[in-house]
């Protein structure tokens, strides 16, 4: 198993509700997220974890095709969506991890809970 497979595995664990996206597409998200996490300064110690949250964000965008729907109703079922402004819990976690990077010393001091 290579690094990108590890990111896909973690993505599936942290976002099990994201379904209907094939593994090839998830691997593309994982590759893109890993590249971005490296550019953002994550080290080899924590890049896979960070990339997993960013890849989950990418997958969530692809999964959530009805993001602009304000309200939908069918018989007794009614569902209303809110505007998250392009963010979600996965992106929030990635940004939290990124904010813990110490770019001045070149060391990664991201805190994991």
PDB file of N, CA and C in Angstrom:
ATOM      1  N   UNK A   1       0.851  -1.182   0.000  1.00  0.00           N
ATOM      2  CA  UNK A   1       0.000   0.000   0.000  1.00  0.00           C
ATOM      3  C   UNK A   1       0.893   1.239   0.000  1.00  0.00           C
ATOM      4  N   UNK A   2       0.637   2.164  -0.947  1.00  0.00           N
ATOM      5  CA  UNK A   2       1.440   3.379  -0.980  1.00  0.00           C
ATOM      6  C   UNK A   2       0.754   4.494  -0.187  1.00  0.00           C
ATOM      7  N   UNK A   3       1.382   5.649  -0.158  1.00  0.00           N
ATOM      8  CA  UNK A   3       0.900   6.783   0.628  1.00  0.00           C
ATOM      9  C   UNK A   3      -0.503   7.198   0.242  1.00  0.00           C
ATOM     10  N   UNK A   4      -0.771   7.246  -1.051  1.00  0.00           N
ATOM     11  CA  UNK A   4      -2.087   7.706  -1.489  1.00  0.00           C
ATOM     12  C   UNK A   4      -3.186   6.726  -1.086  1.00  0.00           C
ATOM     13  N   UNK A   5      -2.873   5.433  -1.091  1.00  0.00           N
ATOM     14  CA  UNK A   5      -3.834   4.443  -0.605  1.00  0.00           C
ATOM     15  C   UNK A   5      -4.121   4.672   0.881  1.00  0.00           C
ATOM     16  N   UNK A   6      -3.093   5.052   1.626  1.00  0.00           N
ATOM     17  CA  UNK A   6      -3.268   5.360   3.044  1.00  0.00           C
ATOM     18  C   UNK A   6      -4.184   6.549   3.253  1.00  0.00           C
ATOM     19  N   UNK A   7      -4.039   7.557   2.400  1.00  0.00           N
ATOM     20  CA  UNK A   7      -4.911   8.735   2.480  1.00  0.00           C
ATOM     21  C   UNK A   7      -6.355   8.330   2.170  1.00  0.00           C
ATOM     22  N   UNK A   8      -6.544   7.501   1.140  1.00  0.00           N
ATOM     23  CA  UNK A   8      -7.892   7.045   0.783  1.00  0.00           C
ATOM     24  C   UNK A   8      -8.499   6.227   1.924  1.00  0.00           C
ATOM     25  N   UNK A   9      -7.720   5.363   2.535  1.00  0.00           N
ATOM     26  CA  UNK A   9      -8.203   4.558   3.664  1.00  0.00           C
ATOM     27  C   UNK A   9      -8.643   5.453   4.815  1.00  0.00           C
ATOM     28  N   UNK A  10      -7.819   6.435   5.152  1.00  0.00           N
ATOM     29  CA  UNK A  10      -8.169   7.366   6.230  1.00  0.00           C
ATOM     30  C   UNK A  10      -9.411   8.178   5.860  1.00  0.00           C
ATOM     31  N   UNK A  11      -9.495   8.626   4.611  1.00  0.00           N
ATOM     32  CA  UNK A  11     -10.654   9.380   4.149  1.00  0.00           C
ATOM     33  C   UNK A  11     -11.935   8.588   4.377  1.00  0.00           C
ATOM     34  N   UNK A  12     -11.912   7.324   4.031  1.00  0.00           N
ATOM     35  CA  UNK A  12     -13.095   6.473   4.200  1.00  0.00           C
ATOM     36  C   UNK A  12     -13.446   6.288   5.677  1.00  0.00           C
ATOM     37  N   UNK A  13     -12.446   6.324   6.552  1.00  0.00           N
ATOM     38  CA  UNK A  13     -12.706   6.166   7.983  1.00  0.00           C
ATOM     39  C   UNK A  13     -13.269   7.445   8.593  1.00  0.00           C
ATOM     40  N   UNK A  14     -12.770   8.601   8.182  1.00  0.00           N
ATOM     41  CA  UNK A  14     -13.228   9.848   8.794  1.00  0.00           C
ATOM     42  C   UNK A  14     -14.501  10.391   8.156  1.00  0.00           C
ATOM     43  N   UNK A  15     -14.832   9.913   6.950  1.00  0.00           N
ATOM     44  CA  UNK A  15     -16.027  10.405   6.257  1.00  0.00           C
ATOM     45  C   UNK A  15     -16.818   9.244   5.649  1.00  0.00           C
ATOM     46  N   UNK A  16     -17.315   8.322   6.485  1.00  0.00           N
ATOM     47  CA  UNK A  16     -17.998   7.146   5.941  1.00  0.00           C
ATOM     48  C   UNK A  16     -19.314   7.464   5.231  1.00  0.00           C
ATOM     49  N   UNK A  17     -19.873   8.641   5.481  1.00  0.00           N
ATOM     50  CA  UNK A  17     -21.130   9.003   4.841  1.00  0.00           C
ATOM     51  C   UNK A  17     -20.951   9.406   3.375  1.00  0.00           C
ATOM     52  N   UNK A  18     -19.737   9.628   2.965  1.00  0.00           N
ATOM     53  CA  UNK A  18     -19.475   9.969   1.570  1.00  0.00           C
ATOM     54  C   UNK A  18     -19.442   8.670   0.770  1.00  0.00           C
ATOM     55  N   UNK A  19     -20.472   8.466  -0.023  1.00  0.00           N
ATOM     56  CA  UNK A  19     -20.615   7.230  -0.783  1.00  0.00           C
ATOM     57  C   UNK A  19     -20.821   7.550  -2.260  1.00  0.00           C
ATOM     58  N   UNK A  20     -20.694   6.537  -3.085  1.00  0.00           N
ATOM     59  CA  UNK A  20     -20.969   6.698  -4.508  1.00  0.00           C
ATOM     60  C   UNK A  20     -19.826   7.313  -5.298  1.00  0.00           C
ATOM     61  N   UNK A  21     -18.668   7.450  -4.684  1.00  0.00           N
ATOM     62  CA  UNK A  21     -17.486   7.960  -5.389  1.00  0.00           C
ATOM     63  C   UNK A  21     -16.506   6.807  -5.500  1.00  0.00           C
ATOM     64  N   UNK A  22     -16.098   6.483  -6.731  1.00  0.00           N
ATOM     65  CA  UNK A  22     -15.230   5.323  -6.933  1.00  0.00           C
ATOM     66  C   UNK A  22     -13.826   5.577  -6.387  1.00  0.00           C
ATOM     67  N   UNK A  23     -13.098   4.496  -6.145  1.00  0.00           N
ATOM     68  CA  UNK A  23     -11.755   4.574  -5.558  1.00  0.00           C
ATOM     69  C   UNK A  23     -10.776   5.351  -6.436  1.00  0.00           C
ATOM     70  N   UNK A  24     -10.942   5.267  -7.740  1.00  0.00           N
ATOM     71  CA  UNK A  24     -10.041   6.004  -8.631  1.00  0.00           C
ATOM     72  C   UNK A  24     -10.190   7.516  -8.412  1.00  0.00           C
ATOM     73  N   UNK A  25     -11.423   7.968  -8.275  1.00  0.00           N
ATOM     74  CA  UNK A  25     -11.666   9.385  -8.021  1.00  0.00           C
ATOM     75  C   UNK A  25     -11.149   9.778  -6.639  1.00  0.00           C
ATOM     76  N   UNK A  26     -11.375   8.923  -5.630  1.00  0.00           N
ATOM     77  CA  UNK A  26     -10.857   9.201  -4.296  1.00  0.00           C
ATOM     78  C   UNK A  26      -9.337   9.275  -4.307  1.00  0.00           C
ATOM     79  N   UNK A  27      -8.706   8.438  -5.113  1.00  0.00           N
ATOM     80  CA  UNK A  27      -7.235   8.451  -5.221  1.00  0.00           C
ATOM     81  C   UNK A  27      -6.755   9.768  -5.849  1.00  0.00           C
ATOM     82  N   UNK A  28      -7.503  10.287  -6.819  1.00  0.00           N
ATOM     83  CA  UNK A  28      -7.154  11.582  -7.411  1.00  0.00           C
ATOM     84  C   UNK A  28      -7.255  12.678  -6.351  1.00  0.00           C
ATOM     85  N   UNK A  29      -8.339  12.653  -5.552  1.00  0.00           N
ATOM     86  CA  UNK A  29      -8.465  13.616  -4.462  1.00  0.00           C
ATOM     87  C   UNK A  29      -7.310  13.474  -3.484  1.00  0.00           C
ATOM     88  N   UNK A  30      -6.933  12.234  -3.179  1.00  0.00           N
ATOM     89  CA  UNK A  30      -5.837  11.975  -2.243  1.00  0.00           C
ATOM     90  C   UNK A  30      -4.515  12.522  -2.784  1.00  0.00           C
ATOM     91  N   UNK A  31      -4.260  12.300  -4.061  1.00  0.00           N
ATOM     92  CA  UNK A  31      -3.028  12.797  -4.685  1.00  0.00           C
ATOM     93  C   UNK A  31      -2.969  14.317  -4.638  1.00  0.00           C
ATOM     94  N   UNK A  32      -4.078  14.951  -5.018  1.00  0.00           N
ATOM     95  CA  UNK A  32      -4.127  16.422  -4.996  1.00  0.00           C
ATOM     96  C   UNK A  32      -3.959  16.965  -3.580  1.00  0.00           C
ATOM     97  N   UNK A  33      -4.629  16.333  -2.630  1.00  0.00           N
ATOM     98  CA  UNK A  33      -4.552  16.782  -1.243  1.00  0.00           C
ATOM     99  C   UNK A  33      -3.145  16.595  -0.676  1.00  0.00           C
ATOM    100  N   UNK A  34      -2.511  15.482  -0.996  1.00  0.00           N
ATOM    101  CA  UNK A  34      -1.146  15.217  -0.517  1.00  0.00           C
ATOM    102  C   UNK A  34      -0.183  16.270  -1.062  1.00  0.00           C
ATOM    103  N   UNK A  35      -0.331  16.586  -2.335  1.00  0.00           N
ATOM    104  CA  UNK A  35       0.518  17.612  -2.963  1.00  0.00           C
ATOM    105  C   UNK A  35       0.311  18.957  -2.283  1.00  0.00           C
ATOM    106  N   UNK A  36      -0.955  19.325  -2.058  1.00  0.00           N
ATOM    107  CA  UNK A  36      -1.245  20.608  -1.420  1.00  0.00           C
ATOM    108  C   UNK A  36      -0.737  20.650   0.014  1.00  0.00           C
ATOM    109  N   UNK A  37      -0.914  19.576   0.753  1.00  0.00           N
ATOM    110  CA  UNK A  37      -0.437  19.537   2.137  1.00  0.00           C
ATOM    111  C   UNK A  37       1.082  19.707   2.198  1.00  0.00           C
ATOM    112  N   UNK A  38       1.784  19.108   1.243  1.00  0.00           N
ATOM    113  CA  UNK A  38       3.230  19.286   1.183  1.00  0.00           C
ATOM    114  C   UNK A  38       3.597  20.736   0.915  1.00  0.00           C
ATOM    115  N   UNK A  39       2.887  21.366  -0.002  1.00  0.00           N
ATOM    116  CA  UNK A  39       3.127  22.782  -0.309  1.00  0.00           C
ATOM    117  C   UNK A  39       2.797  23.671   0.887  1.00  0.00           C
ATOM    118  N   UNK A  40       1.826  23.247   1.692  1.00  0.00           N
ATOM    119  CA  UNK A  40       1.426  24.028   2.862  1.00  0.00           C
ATOM    120  C   UNK A  40       2.381  23.858   4.039  1.00  0.00           C
ATOM    121  N   UNK A  41       3.346  22.947   3.917  1.00  0.00           N
ATOM    122  CA  UNK A  41       4.381  22.824   4.937  1.00  0.00           C
ATOM    123  C   UNK A  41       4.285  21.643   5.865  1.00  0.00           C
ATOM    124  N   UNK A  42       3.364  20.717   5.617  1.00  0.00           N
ATOM    125  CA  UNK A  42       3.287  19.543   6.480  1.00  0.00           C
ATOM    126  C   UNK A  42       4.487  18.634   6.212  1.00  0.00           C
ATOM    127  N   UNK A  43       5.016  18.064   7.280  1.00  0.00           N
ATOM    128  CA  UNK A  43       6.181  17.190   7.172  1.00  0.00           C
ATOM    129  C   UNK A  43       5.751  15.754   6.949  1.00  0.00           C
ATOM    130  N   UNK A  44       6.724  14.906   6.735  1.00  0.00           N
ATOM    131  CA  UNK A  44       6.436  13.485   6.508  1.00  0.00           C
ATOM    132  C   UNK A  44       5.769  12.838   7.716  1.00  0.00           C
ATOM    133  N   UNK A  45       5.930  13.433   8.901  1.00  0.00           N
ATOM    134  CA  UNK A  45       5.325  12.872  10.113  1.00  0.00           C
ATOM    135  C   UNK A  45       3.801  12.981  10.126  1.00  0.00           C
ATOM    136  N   UNK A  46       3.269  14.032   9.533  1.00  0.00           N
ATOM    137  CA  UNK A  46       1.834  14.252   9.639  1.00  0.00           C
ATOM    138  C   UNK A  46       1.148  14.610   8.322  1.00  0.00           C
ATOM    139  N   UNK A  47       1.869  14.515   7.221  1.00  0.00           N
ATOM    140  CA  UNK A  47       1.284  14.895   5.937  1.00  0.00           C
ATOM    141  C   UNK A  47       0.131  13.972   5.526  1.00  0.00           C
ATOM    142  N   UNK A  48       0.233  12.692   5.840  1.00  0.00           N
ATOM    143  CA  UNK A  48      -0.824  11.765   5.447  1.00  0.00           C
ATOM    144  C   UNK A  48      -2.136  12.088   6.170  1.00  0.00           C
ATOM    145  N   UNK A  49      -2.031  12.392   7.445  1.00  0.00           N
ATOM    146  CA  UNK A  49      -3.236  12.733   8.206  1.00  0.00           C
ATOM    147  C   UNK A  49      -3.856  14.025   7.686  1.00  0.00           C
ATOM    148  N   UNK A  50      -3.041  15.048   7.471  1.00  0.00           N
ATOM    149  CA  UNK A  50      -3.547  16.320   6.960  1.00  0.00           C
ATOM    150  C   UNK A  50      -4.168  16.136   5.581  1.00  0.00           C
ATOM    151  N   UNK A  51      -3.482  15.394   4.724  1.00  0.00           N
ATOM    152  CA  UNK A  51      -3.993  15.159   3.366  1.00  0.00           C
ATOM    153  C   UNK A  51      -5.320  14.408   3.399  1.00  0.00           C
ATOM    154  N   UNK A  52      -5.516  13.551   4.382  1.00  0.00           N
ATOM    155  CA  UNK A  52      -6.765  12.806   4.496  1.00  0.00           C
ATOM    156  C   UNK A  52      -7.946  13.740   4.737  1.00  0.00           C
ATOM    157  N   UNK A  53      -7.757  14.732   5.608  1.00  0.00           N
ATOM    158  CA  UNK A  53      -8.835  15.687   5.865  1.00  0.00           C
ATOM    159  C   UNK A  53      -9.091  16.570   4.650  1.00  0.00           C
ATOM    160  N   UNK A  54      -8.032  16.981   3.972  1.00  0.00           N
ATOM    161  CA  UNK A  54      -8.218  17.799   2.780  1.00  0.00           C
ATOM    162  C   UNK A  54      -8.874  16.987   1.665  1.00  0.00           C
ATOM    163  N   UNK A  55      -8.485  15.736   1.500  1.00  0.00           N
ATOM    164  CA  UNK A  55      -9.111  14.866   0.499  1.00  0.00           C
ATOM    165  C   UNK A  55     -10.579  14.624   0.849  1.00  0.00           C
ATOM    166  N   UNK A  56     -10.892  14.498   2.137  1.00  0.00           N
ATOM    167  CA  UNK A  56     -12.291  14.339   2.550  1.00  0.00           C
ATOM    168  C   UNK A  56     -13.090  15.585   2.184  1.00  0.00           C
ATOM    169  N   UNK A  57     -12.469  16.747   2.321  1.00  0.00           N
ATOM    170  CA  UNK A  57     -13.128  17.992   1.905  1.00  0.00           C
ATOM    171  C   UNK A  57     -13.422  17.960   0.408  1.00  0.00           C
ATOM    172  N   UNK A  58     -12.439  17.566  -0.395  1.00  0.00           N
ATOM    173  CA  UNK A  58     -12.645  17.470  -1.847  1.00  0.00           C
ATOM    174  C   UNK A  58     -13.771  16.480  -2.167  1.00  0.00           C
ATOM    175  N   UNK A  59     -13.762  15.339  -1.500  1.00  0.00           N
ATOM    176  CA  UNK A  59     -14.791  14.326  -1.743  1.00  0.00           C
ATOM    177  C   UNK A  59     -16.161  14.821  -1.299  1.00  0.00           C
ATOM    178  N   UNK A  60     -16.199  15.555  -0.194  1.00  0.00           N
ATOM    179  CA  UNK A  60     -17.462  16.085   0.295  1.00  0.00           C
ATOM    180  C   UNK A  60     -18.064  17.059  -0.714  1.00  0.00           C
ATOM    181  N   UNK A  61     -17.227  17.875  -1.326  1.00  0.00           N
ATOM    182  CA  UNK A  61     -17.716  18.795  -2.358  1.00  0.00           C
ATOM    183  C   UNK A  61     -18.324  18.005  -3.513  1.00  0.00           C
ATOM    184  N   UNK A  62     -17.638  16.955  -3.953  1.00  0.00           N
ATOM    185  CA  UNK A  62     -18.140  16.134  -5.062  1.00  0.00           C
ATOM    186  C   UNK A  62     -19.404  15.378  -4.655  1.00  0.00           C
ATOM    187  N   UNK A  63     -19.465  14.930  -3.413  1.00  0.00           N
ATOM    188  CA  UNK A  63     -20.603  14.161  -2.909  1.00  0.00           C
ATOM    189  C   UNK A  63     -21.840  15.033  -2.722  1.00  0.00           C
ATOM    190  N   UNK A  64     -21.627  16.247  -2.269  1.00  0.00           N
ATOM    191  CA  UNK A  64     -22.725  17.145  -1.915  1.00  0.00           C
ATOM    192  C   UNK A  64     -23.141  17.972  -3.125  1.00  0.00           C
ATOM    193  N   UNK A  65     -23.780  17.340  -4.062  1.00  0.00           N
ATOM    194  CA  UNK A  65     -24.165  18.009  -5.311  1.00  0.00           C
ATOM    195  C   UNK A  65     -25.317  18.981  -5.125  1.00  0.00           C
ATOM    196  N   UNK A  66     -26.059  18.868  -4.052  1.00  0.00           N
ATOM    197  CA  UNK A  66     -27.208  19.742  -3.822  1.00  0.00           C
ATOM    198  C   UNK A  66     -26.874  20.895  -2.881  1.00  0.00           C
ATOM    199  N   UNK A  67     -25.639  21.356  -2.892  1.00  0.00           N
ATOM    200  CA  UNK A  67     -25.223  22.345  -1.924  1.00  0.00           C
ATOM    201  C   UNK A  67     -25.952  23.676  -2.048  1.00  0.00           C
ATOM    202  N   UNK A  68     -26.526  23.978  -3.199  1.00  0.00           N
ATOM    203  CA  UNK A  68     -27.218  25.253  -3.365  1.00  0.00           C
ATOM    204  C   UNK A  68     -28.713  25.166  -3.041  1.00  0.00           C
ATOM    205  N   UNK A  69     -29.197  23.985  -2.733  1.00  0.00           N
ATOM    206  CA  UNK A  69     -30.608  23.821  -2.417  1.00  0.00           C
ATOM    207  C   UNK A  69     -30.876  24.442  -1.057  1.00  0.00           C
ATOM    208  N   UNK A  70     -31.834  25.356  -1.007  1.00  0.00           N
ATOM    209  CA  UNK A  70     -32.214  25.979   0.257  1.00  0.00           C
ATOM    210  C   UNK A  70     -33.235  25.122   0.989  1.00  0.00           C
ATOM    211  N   UNK A  71     -34.218  24.602   0.236  1.00  0.00           N
ATOM    212  CA  UNK A  71     -35.243  23.778   0.854  1.00  0.00           C
ATOM    213  C   UNK A  71     -35.826  22.845  -0.193  1.00  0.00           C
ATOM    214  N   UNK A  72     -36.079  21.600   0.208  1.00  0.00           N
ATOM    215  CA  UNK A  72     -36.755  20.660  -0.676  1.00  0.00           C
ATOM    216  C   UNK A  72     -37.790  19.905   0.143  1.00  0.00           C
ATOM    217  N   UNK A  73     -38.882  19.543  -0.512  1.00  0.00           N
ATOM    218  CA  UNK A  73     -39.952  18.865   0.206  1.00  0.00           C
ATOM    219  C   UNK A  73     -40.583  17.818  -0.696  1.00  0.00           C
ATOM    220  N   UNK A  74     -40.846  16.664  -0.140  1.00  0.00           N
ATOM    221  CA  UNK A  74     -41.528  15.582  -0.842  1.00  0.00           C
ATOM    222  C   UNK A  74     -42.501  14.951   0.130  1.00  0.00           C
ATOM    223  N   UNK A  75     -43.783  15.146  -0.086  1.00  0.00           N
ATOM    224  CA  UNK A  75     -44.844  14.636   0.793  1.00  0.00           C
ATOM    225  C   UNK A  75     -44.583  15.076   2.229  1.00  0.00           C
ATOM    226  N   UNK A  76     -44.274  14.157   3.122  1.00  0.00           N
ATOM    227  CA  UNK A  76     -44.081  14.501   4.535  1.00  0.00           C
ATOM    228  C   UNK A  76     -42.624  14.790   4.882  1.00  0.00           C
ATOM    229  N   UNK A  77     -41.733  14.573   3.954  1.00  0.00           N
ATOM    230  CA  UNK A  77     -40.312  14.797   4.209  1.00  0.00           C
ATOM    231  C   UNK A  77     -39.921  16.197   3.759  1.00  0.00           C
ATOM    232  N   UNK A  78     -39.261  16.909   4.616  1.00  0.00           N
ATOM    233  CA  UNK A  78     -38.778  18.247   4.283  1.00  0.00           C
ATOM    234  C   UNK A  78     -37.341  18.370   4.756  1.00  0.00           C
ATOM    235  N   UNK A  79     -36.510  18.931   3.924  1.00  0.00           N
ATOM    236  CA  UNK A  79     -35.092  19.092   4.259  1.00  0.00           C
ATOM    237  C   UNK A  79     -34.663  20.496   3.876  1.00  0.00           C
ATOM    238  N   UNK A  80     -33.964  21.162   4.789  1.00  0.00           N
ATOM    239  CA  UNK A  80     -33.483  22.508   4.517  1.00  0.00           C
ATOM    240  C   UNK A  80     -31.969  22.529   4.706  1.00  0.00           C
ATOM    241  N   UNK A  81     -31.283  23.159   3.785  1.00  0.00           N
ATOM    242  CA  UNK A  81     -29.824  23.233   3.814  1.00  0.00           C
ATOM    243  C   UNK A  81     -29.393  24.623   4.254  1.00  0.00           C
ATOM    244  N   UNK A  82     -28.223  24.703   4.806  1.00  0.00           N
ATOM    245  CA  UNK A  82     -27.671  25.999   5.168  1.00  0.00           C
ATOM    246  C   UNK A  82     -26.449  26.274   4.313  1.00  0.00           C
ATOM    247  N   UNK A  83     -26.086  27.520   4.233  1.00  0.00           N
ATOM    248  CA  UNK A  83     -24.928  27.914   3.441  1.00  0.00           C
ATOM    249  C   UNK A  83     -23.687  27.888   4.331  1.00  0.00           C
ATOM    250  N   UNK A  84     -22.806  26.950   4.063  1.00  0.00           N
ATOM    251  CA  UNK A  84     -21.584  26.817   4.863  1.00  0.00           C
ATOM    252  C   UNK A  84     -20.452  27.668   4.305  1.00  0.00           C
ATOM    253  N   UNK A  85     -20.718  28.410   3.249  1.00  0.00           N
ATOM    254  CA  UNK A  85     -19.695  29.286   2.684  1.00  0.00           C
ATOM    255  C   UNK A  85     -18.512  28.540   2.106  1.00  0.00           C
ATOM    256  N   UNK A  86     -18.732  27.337   1.613  1.00  0.00           N
ATOM    257  CA  UNK A  86     -17.652  26.563   1.008  1.00  0.00           C
ATOM    258  C   UNK A  86     -16.814  25.784   2.002  1.00  0.00           C
ATOM    259  N   UNK A  87     -17.159  25.847   3.263  1.00  0.00           N
ATOM    260  CA  UNK A  87     -16.393  25.141   4.287  1.00  0.00           C
ATOM    261  C   UNK A  87     -17.172  23.923   4.779  1.00  0.00           C
ATOM    262  N   UNK A  88     -16.472  23.050   5.458  1.00  0.00           N
ATOM    263  CA  UNK A  88     -17.077  21.886   6.097  1.00  0.00           C
ATOM    264  C   UNK A  88     -16.146  21.454   7.216  1.00  0.00           C
ATOM    265  N   UNK A  89     -16.553  20.472   7.988  1.00  0.00           N
ATOM    266  CA  UNK A  89     -15.760  20.034   9.141  1.00  0.00           C
ATOM    267  C   UNK A  89     -14.380  19.524   8.722  1.00  0.00           C
ATOM    268  N   UNK A  90     -14.278  18.939   7.532  1.00  0.00           N
ATOM    269  CA  UNK A  90     -12.995  18.394   7.059  1.00  0.00           C
ATOM    270  C   UNK A  90     -12.013  19.523   6.740  1.00  0.00           C
ATOM    271  N   UNK A  91     -12.508  20.544   6.050  1.00  0.00           N
ATOM    272  CA  UNK A  91     -11.646  21.692   5.752  1.00  0.00           C
ATOM    273  C   UNK A  91     -11.286  22.432   7.037  1.00  0.00           C
ATOM    274  N   UNK A  92     -12.241  22.557   7.949  1.00  0.00           N
ATOM    275  CA  UNK A  92     -11.952  23.211   9.230  1.00  0.00           C
ATOM    276  C   UNK A  92     -10.827  22.501   9.977  1.00  0.00           C
ATOM    277  N   UNK A  93     -10.856  21.164   9.988  1.00  0.00           N
ATOM    278  CA  UNK A  93      -9.806  20.411  10.681  1.00  0.00           C
ATOM    279  C   UNK A  93      -8.462  20.578   9.977  1.00  0.00           C
ATOM    280  N   UNK A  94      -8.464  20.555   8.660  1.00  0.00           N
ATOM    281  CA  UNK A  94      -7.216  20.760   7.912  1.00  0.00           C
ATOM    282  C   UNK A  94      -6.643  22.136   8.237  1.00  0.00           C
ATOM    283  N   UNK A  95      -7.483  23.164   8.223  1.00  0.00           N
ATOM    284  CA  UNK A  95      -7.007  24.517   8.511  1.00  0.00           C
ATOM    285  C   UNK A  95      -6.534  24.653   9.948  1.00  0.00           C
ATOM    286  N   UNK A  96      -7.181  23.936  10.879  1.00  0.00           N
ATOM    287  CA  UNK A  96      -6.722  23.948  12.273  1.00  0.00           C
ATOM    288  C   UNK A  96      -5.331  23.344  12.377  1.00  0.00           C
ATOM    289  N   UNK A  97      -5.145  22.226  11.680  1.00  0.00           N
ATOM    290  CA  UNK A  97      -3.830  21.582  11.681  1.00  0.00           C
ATOM    291  C   UNK A  97      -2.792  22.492  11.037  1.00  0.00           C
ATOM    292  N   UNK A  98      -3.176  23.119   9.945  1.00  0.00           N
ATOM    293  CA  UNK A  98      -2.251  24.010   9.224  1.00  0.00           C
ATOM    294  C   UNK A  98      -1.855  25.206  10.086  1.00  0.00           C
ATOM    295  N   UNK A  99      -2.806  25.715  10.876  1.00  0.00           N
ATOM    296  CA  UNK A  99      -2.497  26.869  11.724  1.00  0.00           C
ATOM    297  C   UNK A  99      -1.474  26.518  12.804  1.00  0.00           C
ATOM    298  N   UNK A 100      -1.305  25.230  13.098  1.00  0.00           N
ATOM    299  CA  UNK A 100      -0.327  24.794  14.091  1.00  0.00           C
ATOM    300  C   UNK A 100       1.080  24.642  13.544  1.00  0.00           C
ATOM    301  N   UNK A 101       1.231  24.857  12.238  1.00  0.00           N
ATOM    302  CA  UNK A 101       2.569  24.753  11.651  1.00  0.00           C
ATOM    303  C   UNK A 101       3.397  25.973  12.011  1.00  0.00           C
ATOM    304  N   UNK A 102       4.627  25.755  12.408  1.00  0.00           N
ATOM    305  CA  UNK A 102       5.547  26.849  12.710  1.00  0.00           C
ATOM    306  C   UNK A 102       6.414  27.076  11.481  1.00  0.00           C
ATOM    307  N   UNK A 103       5.987  27.996  10.639  1.00  0.00           N
ATOM    308  CA  UNK A 103       6.705  28.224   9.385  1.00  0.00           C
ATOM    309  C   UNK A 103       7.969  29.043   9.588  1.00  0.00           C
ATOM    310  N   UNK A 104       8.105  29.729  10.715  1.00  0.00           N
ATOM    311  CA  UNK A 104       9.296  30.542  10.925  1.00  0.00           C
ATOM    312  C   UNK A 104      10.518  29.693  11.239  1.00  0.00           C
ATOM    313  N   UNK A 105      10.314  28.591  11.945  1.00  0.00           N
ATOM    314  CA  UNK A 105      11.465  27.756  12.291  1.00  0.00           C
ATOM    315  C   UNK A 105      11.636  26.586  11.334  1.00  0.00           C
ATOM    316  N   UNK A 106      10.662  26.400  10.453  1.00  0.00           N
ATOM    317  CA  UNK A 106      10.738  25.288   9.526  1.00  0.00           C
ATOM    318  C   UNK A 106      10.351  23.963  10.147  1.00  0.00           C
ATOM    319  N   UNK A 107       9.890  24.000  11.389  1.00  0.00           N
ATOM    320  CA  UNK A 107       9.480  22.769  12.074  1.00  0.00           C
ATOM    321  C   UNK A 107       7.967  22.693  12.125  1.00  0.00           C
ATOM    322  N   UNK A 108       7.493  21.484  12.093  1.00  0.00           N
ATOM    323  CA  UNK A 108       6.055  21.263  12.164  1.00  0.00           C
ATOM    324  C   UNK A 108       5.675  21.045  13.612  1.00  0.00           C
ATOM    325  N   UNK A 109       4.864  21.934  14.135  1.00  0.00           N
ATOM    326  CA  UNK A 109       4.432  21.815  15.525  1.00  0.00           C
ATOM    327  C   UNK A 109       2.920  21.676  15.596  1.00  0.00           C
ATOM    328  N   UNK A 110       2.330  21.074  14.552  1.00  0.00           N
ATOM    329  CA  UNK A 110       0.876  20.887  14.542  1.00  0.00           C
ATOM    330  C   UNK A 110       0.467  20.035  15.730  1.00  0.00           C
ATOM    331  N   UNK A 111      -0.613  20.428  16.362  1.00  0.00           N
ATOM    332  CA  UNK A 111      -1.119  19.695  17.518  1.00  0.00           C
ATOM    333  C   UNK A 111      -2.250  18.793  17.071  1.00  0.00           C
ATOM    334  N   UNK A 112      -2.215  17.535  17.481  1.00  0.00           N
ATOM    335  CA  UNK A 112      -3.255  16.589  17.143  1.00  0.00           C
ATOM    336  C   UNK A 112      -3.978  16.188  18.409  1.00  0.00           C
ATOM    337  N   UNK A 113      -5.283  16.153  18.351  1.00  0.00           N
ATOM    338  CA  UNK A 113      -6.096  15.814  19.514  1.00  0.00           C
ATOM    339  C   UNK A 113      -6.697  14.455  19.345  1.00  0.00           C
TER     340      UNK A 113
END
